[in-house]
Structures are given as C-alpha cells and as structure tokens.
C-alpha cells in the first residue's frame, strides 16, 4: 500500500510504501485533516519516519 504525503514539514510531496497492519491502514484512511489527530512515528531497523498531525495522507 502506498501513502502519498504532503503538508507542513514535508518539503515536497512524497510517496512511501511502509508495510503496515490493516488496522493502521484503516486509521490512515480516516486521518483527520483538521490537525486534531496524532503524530505518527514509523520505524524500521535504524530508520525513522514521523508524520505530524498536520500531514495530509492519501492511501493509494
């Protein structure tokens, strides 16, 4: 599943394809656009990606 990311703190539109459980994908499909969501931190080994609550996430 590919996520398209944009918004404050993201310099240009990004597409990432993290391996996430179905529950997380379902949550991201409902990602609040009003900034009242949560900050999301994804990790893989020694890599970290943080999605601020103001990010605009589209599940492709």
N, C-alpha and C. Protein backbone atom coordinates (compact mmCIF):
# COMPACT_ATOMS: atom_id res chain seq x y z
N UNK A 1 0.86 -1.17 0.00
CA UNK A 1 0.00 0.00 0.00
C UNK A 1 0.90 1.23 0.00
N UNK A 2 0.61 2.16 -0.87
CA UNK A 2 1.40 3.39 -0.99
C UNK A 2 0.68 4.53 -0.29
N UNK A 3 1.44 5.34 0.43
CA UNK A 3 0.92 6.54 1.09
C UNK A 3 1.49 7.75 0.37
N UNK A 4 0.63 8.69 0.01
CA UNK A 4 1.09 9.97 -0.54
C UNK A 4 1.02 10.98 0.59
N UNK A 5 2.12 11.68 0.81
CA UNK A 5 2.23 12.60 1.94
C UNK A 5 2.49 14.02 1.44
N UNK A 6 1.83 14.98 2.10
CA UNK A 6 2.11 16.39 1.86
C UNK A 6 1.64 17.18 3.06
N UNK A 7 2.08 18.41 3.15
CA UNK A 7 1.67 19.26 4.24
C UNK A 7 2.86 19.93 4.91
N UNK A 8 2.62 20.69 5.98
CA UNK A 8 3.68 21.39 6.69
C UNK A 8 4.76 20.40 7.17
N UNK A 9 6.00 20.78 6.99
CA UNK A 9 7.11 19.93 7.43
C UNK A 9 7.54 18.91 6.39
N UNK A 10 6.78 18.79 5.30
CA UNK A 10 7.15 17.89 4.21
C UNK A 10 7.51 18.79 3.04
N UNK A 11 8.80 18.84 2.69
CA UNK A 11 9.27 19.83 1.72
C UNK A 11 8.64 19.68 0.35
N UNK A 12 8.41 18.46 -0.09
CA UNK A 12 7.73 18.23 -1.35
C UNK A 12 6.89 16.97 -1.19
N UNK A 13 5.95 16.76 -2.08
CA UNK A 13 5.11 15.56 -1.96
C UNK A 13 5.97 14.31 -1.97
N UNK A 14 5.61 13.38 -1.15
CA UNK A 14 6.35 12.13 -1.03
C UNK A 14 5.41 10.96 -1.18
N UNK A 15 5.93 9.86 -1.69
CA UNK A 15 5.18 8.61 -1.72
C UNK A 15 6.05 7.57 -1.02
N UNK A 16 5.47 6.88 -0.05
CA UNK A 16 6.17 5.83 0.68
C UNK A 16 5.29 4.60 0.71
N UNK A 17 5.91 3.44 0.88
CA UNK A 17 5.14 2.19 0.90
C UNK A 17 5.55 1.35 2.10
N UNK A 18 5.23 1.82 3.32
CA UNK A 18 5.57 1.04 4.51
C UNK A 18 4.67 -0.19 4.63
N UNK A 19 5.20 -1.24 5.21
CA UNK A 19 4.39 -2.43 5.46
C UNK A 19 3.69 -2.23 6.80
N UNK A 20 2.39 -1.99 6.73
CA UNK A 20 1.62 -1.66 7.92
C UNK A 20 0.47 -2.65 8.10
N UNK A 21 0.08 -2.90 9.36
CA UNK A 21 -1.08 -3.76 9.62
C UNK A 21 -2.35 -3.13 9.05
N UNK A 22 -3.34 -3.95 8.71
CA UNK A 22 -4.60 -3.43 8.16
C UNK A 22 -5.26 -2.37 9.05
N UNK A 23 -5.13 -2.50 10.36
CA UNK A 23 -5.75 -1.54 11.27
C UNK A 23 -5.13 -0.15 11.11
N UNK A 24 -3.83 -0.10 10.87
CA UNK A 24 -3.16 1.19 10.68
C UNK A 24 -3.58 1.80 9.35
N UNK A 25 -3.67 0.99 8.31
CA UNK A 25 -4.14 1.49 7.01
C UNK A 25 -5.55 2.06 7.15
N UNK A 26 -6.42 1.35 7.87
CA UNK A 26 -7.79 1.84 8.09
C UNK A 26 -7.77 3.18 8.81
N UNK A 27 -6.91 3.32 9.82
CA UNK A 27 -6.79 4.59 10.55
C UNK A 27 -6.33 5.69 9.61
N UNK A 28 -5.33 5.40 8.77
CA UNK A 28 -4.81 6.42 7.87
C UNK A 28 -5.84 6.86 6.84
N UNK A 29 -6.74 5.95 6.46
CA UNK A 29 -7.81 6.33 5.53
C UNK A 29 -8.74 7.36 6.17
N UNK A 30 -8.82 7.38 7.49
CA UNK A 30 -9.68 8.31 8.22
C UNK A 30 -8.87 9.45 8.84
N UNK A 31 -7.61 9.59 8.45
CA UNK A 31 -6.68 10.58 9.03
C UNK A 31 -7.35 11.94 9.08
N UNK A 32 -7.46 12.54 10.26
CA UNK A 32 -8.13 13.84 10.38
C UNK A 32 -7.37 14.94 9.63
N UNK A 33 -8.09 15.78 8.93
CA UNK A 33 -7.47 16.87 8.20
C UNK A 33 -7.45 18.16 9.00
N UNK A 34 -7.99 18.14 10.20
CA UNK A 34 -8.11 19.38 10.98
C UNK A 34 -7.01 19.54 12.02
N UNK A 35 -5.98 18.69 11.99
CA UNK A 35 -4.88 18.84 12.93
C UNK A 35 -5.14 18.29 14.32
N UNK A 36 -6.27 17.63 14.53
CA UNK A 36 -6.57 17.09 15.85
C UNK A 36 -6.23 15.61 15.95
N UNK A 37 -5.48 15.10 14.99
CA UNK A 37 -5.10 13.69 15.00
C UNK A 37 -3.92 13.46 15.94
N UNK A 38 -3.11 12.50 15.59
CA UNK A 38 -1.93 12.18 16.40
C UNK A 38 -0.69 12.30 15.54
N UNK A 39 0.46 12.47 16.17
CA UNK A 39 1.73 12.37 15.48
C UNK A 39 2.03 10.88 15.38
N UNK A 40 2.43 10.43 14.21
CA UNK A 40 2.66 9.01 13.99
C UNK A 40 4.14 8.78 13.69
N UNK A 41 4.77 7.87 14.42
CA UNK A 41 6.18 7.56 14.21
C UNK A 41 6.28 6.12 13.69
N UNK A 42 6.89 5.96 12.53
CA UNK A 42 7.10 4.64 11.94
C UNK A 42 8.59 4.33 12.00
N UNK A 43 8.94 3.12 12.38
CA UNK A 43 10.34 2.74 12.46
C UNK A 43 10.58 1.43 11.71
N UNK A 44 11.80 1.29 11.22
CA UNK A 44 12.23 0.06 10.57
C UNK A 44 13.73 -0.04 10.78
N UNK A 45 14.15 -0.94 11.65
CA UNK A 45 15.58 -1.02 11.97
C UNK A 45 16.06 0.28 12.56
N UNK A 46 17.03 0.91 11.91
CA UNK A 46 17.56 2.18 12.42
C UNK A 46 16.98 3.39 11.69
N UNK A 47 15.92 3.18 10.89
CA UNK A 47 15.28 4.28 10.17
C UNK A 47 14.00 4.70 10.89
N UNK A 48 13.72 6.01 10.85
CA UNK A 48 12.53 6.56 11.50
C UNK A 48 11.86 7.54 10.54
N UNK A 49 10.53 7.49 10.47
CA UNK A 49 9.75 8.47 9.73
C UNK A 49 8.63 8.93 10.65
N UNK A 50 8.48 10.23 10.80
CA UNK A 50 7.45 10.78 11.67
C UNK A 50 6.47 11.57 10.81
N UNK A 51 5.18 11.27 10.97
CA UNK A 51 4.13 12.02 10.30
C UNK A 51 3.48 12.95 11.32
N UNK A 52 3.63 14.26 11.14
CA UNK A 52 2.99 15.18 12.08
C UNK A 52 1.48 15.15 11.90
N UNK A 53 0.77 15.54 12.93
CA UNK A 53 -0.70 15.54 12.86
C UNK A 53 -1.25 16.43 11.77
N UNK A 54 -0.44 17.36 11.29
CA UNK A 54 -0.88 18.26 10.23
C UNK A 54 -0.63 17.70 8.83
N UNK A 55 -0.02 16.52 8.75
CA UNK A 55 0.26 15.92 7.43
C UNK A 55 -1.04 15.53 6.74
N UNK A 56 -1.03 15.62 5.44
CA UNK A 56 -2.15 15.16 4.63
C UNK A 56 -1.73 13.82 4.03
N UNK A 57 -2.43 12.76 4.40
CA UNK A 57 -2.08 11.40 3.99
C UNK A 57 -3.17 10.86 3.09
N UNK A 58 -2.77 10.39 1.92
CA UNK A 58 -3.70 9.72 1.00
C UNK A 58 -3.22 8.29 0.83
N UNK A 59 -4.12 7.33 1.05
CA UNK A 59 -3.80 5.91 0.87
C UNK A 59 -4.15 5.54 -0.56
N UNK A 60 -3.15 5.05 -1.29
CA UNK A 60 -3.34 4.69 -2.72
C UNK A 60 -3.52 3.19 -2.87
